[in-house]
Structures are given as C-alpha cells and as structure tokens.
Amino acid sequence: MRRKGDMEREYDFSKGKRGPVIPHRGKSRITIWIDTDILEWFRDEAEREGEGYQTSMNRALRNYIRQDKRPIQEIVGEAVRKELRKFRKAS
C-alpha cells in the first residue's frame, strides 16, 4: 500500500504545464449542451457501428451542411442542361 508522499517521490511534475490535452489538427474542443435523448441515440448508433459517438455526430453535421439547399427547379434545370450537353456531344 502506498503512503502519502509516494507519488511525489515517484513522479516529478515540477515542469508540468496546466492546460488542455494535446490539440488535434483541424479540430476544436468545445462544450455544448445536447438533449439527452439525442446524445443517447448517437452513442447507441456509434456503439453499434463500432466508432466514437463524437465521430458519428461530426459526420451527421458534415452531411447536413453538404446538402444542396438550392430550389428544386434550379437543381433539376442544372441536371437537364448537363444531360443536354452530353446528348449534343454524342450526336
């Protein structure tokens, strides 16, 4: 059994720095409030998929911001023009 003071003799923290854990490139550490049911869902899904829940949440947010938010007429018009260009080149 260790006695009080054993840790001080075993480890030297005199040059230690207080602060956050080592930062990850391209990531920011934040604190946010998430509804408990949402967090539980992500944790359950992440466990089922074998990954971390934060990775799962990050992917969901990334997918959301990548959605094409243009009006449907603009999306369809672009697709039709693209297909017409292919058709004209082929003939």
Protein backbone atom coordinates (compact mmCIF):
# COMPACT_ATOMS: atom_id res chain seq x y z
CA MET A 1 0.00 0.00 0.00
CA ARG A 2 1.31 3.43 -0.91
CA ARG A 3 1.75 6.06 1.70
CA LYS A 4 1.11 9.75 1.31
CA GLY A 5 4.03 11.33 -0.50
CA ASP A 6 4.97 8.23 -2.53
CA MET A 7 3.64 9.80 -5.72
CA GLU A 8 5.67 12.96 -5.16
CA ARG A 9 8.84 10.90 -4.87
CA GLU A 10 7.97 8.68 -7.84
CA TYR A 11 6.92 11.40 -10.33
CA ASP A 12 8.33 14.86 -10.95
CA PHE A 13 5.61 17.32 -12.01
CA SER A 14 7.75 20.41 -11.48
CA LYS A 15 7.96 21.10 -15.23
CA GLY A 16 4.38 20.13 -15.99
CA LYS A 17 2.01 22.56 -17.70
CA ARG A 18 -1.65 23.05 -16.95
CA GLY A 19 -3.97 23.17 -19.89
CA PRO A 20 -5.95 21.17 -22.42
CA VAL A 21 -4.94 17.85 -23.84
CA ILE A 22 -2.79 17.81 -26.96
CA PRO A 23 -4.83 19.51 -29.72
CA HIS A 24 -5.93 17.60 -32.81
CA ARG A 25 -5.17 19.20 -36.17
CA GLY A 26 -8.35 20.59 -37.74
CA LYS A 27 -10.44 20.04 -34.62
CA SER A 28 -11.66 22.38 -31.88
CA ARG A 29 -12.56 21.40 -28.34
CA ILE A 30 -15.87 22.94 -27.23
CA THR A 31 -18.53 22.49 -24.58
CA ILE A 32 -22.14 22.36 -25.77
CA TRP A 33 -25.50 21.26 -24.37
CA ILE A 34 -27.08 18.37 -26.28
CA ASP A 35 -30.52 16.95 -25.49
CA THR A 36 -30.03 13.71 -23.59
CA ASP A 37 -32.16 11.63 -25.96
CA ILE A 38 -30.13 12.87 -28.95
CA LEU A 39 -26.83 12.10 -27.25
CA GLU A 40 -28.05 8.63 -26.25
CA TRP A 41 -29.13 7.93 -29.83
CA PHE A 42 -25.70 8.90 -31.18
CA ARG A 43 -23.95 6.85 -28.52
CA ASP A 44 -26.10 3.80 -29.31
CA GLU A 45 -25.55 4.19 -33.05
CA ALA A 46 -21.82 4.71 -32.61
CA GLU A 47 -21.52 1.62 -30.43
CA ARG A 48 -23.46 -0.41 -33.00
CA GLU A 49 -21.16 0.87 -35.77
CA GLY A 50 -18.01 0.41 -33.67
CA GLU A 51 -16.93 4.05 -33.65
CA GLY A 52 -16.97 7.01 -31.28
CA TYR A 53 -20.20 8.96 -30.81
CA GLN A 54 -18.41 12.24 -31.48
CA THR A 55 -17.26 10.91 -34.85
CA SER A 56 -20.85 9.93 -35.59
CA MET A 57 -22.16 13.38 -34.61
CA ASN A 58 -19.46 15.09 -36.66
CA ARG A 59 -20.40 13.02 -39.74
CA ALA A 60 -24.09 13.88 -39.30
CA LEU A 61 -23.30 17.60 -39.07
CA ARG A 62 -20.99 17.42 -42.10
CA ASN A 63 -23.67 15.61 -44.13
CA TYR A 64 -26.19 18.27 -43.15
CA ILE A 65 -24.04 21.20 -44.27
CA ARG A 66 -23.23 19.46 -47.55
CA GLN A 67 -26.88 19.21 -48.52
CA ASP A 68 -27.77 21.11 -51.64
CA LYS A 69 -30.09 23.85 -50.44
CA ARG A 70 -30.94 25.32 -53.84
CA PRO A 71 -34.57 25.31 -55.01
CA ILE A 72 -35.53 22.04 -56.71
CA GLN A 73 -36.16 23.84 -60.02
CA GLU A 74 -32.54 25.00 -60.08
CA ILE A 75 -31.20 21.51 -59.32
CA VAL A 76 -33.39 19.88 -61.99
CA GLY A 77 -32.55 22.61 -64.52
CA GLU A 78 -28.83 22.05 -63.98
CA ALA A 79 -29.24 18.29 -64.40
CA VAL A 80 -31.24 18.74 -67.63
CA ARG A 81 -28.67 21.16 -69.09
CA LYS A 82 -25.87 18.74 -68.21
CA GLU A 83 -27.66 15.85 -69.93
CA LEU A 84 -28.44 18.00 -72.99
CA ARG A 85 -24.74 18.88 -73.36
CA LYS A 86 -23.89 15.14 -73.28
CA PHE A 87 -26.61 14.42 -75.83
CA ARG A 88 -25.37 17.16 -78.20
CA LYS A 89 -21.78 15.97 -77.99
CA ALA A 90 -22.85 12.40 -78.75
CA SER A 91 -24.83 13.36 -81.90
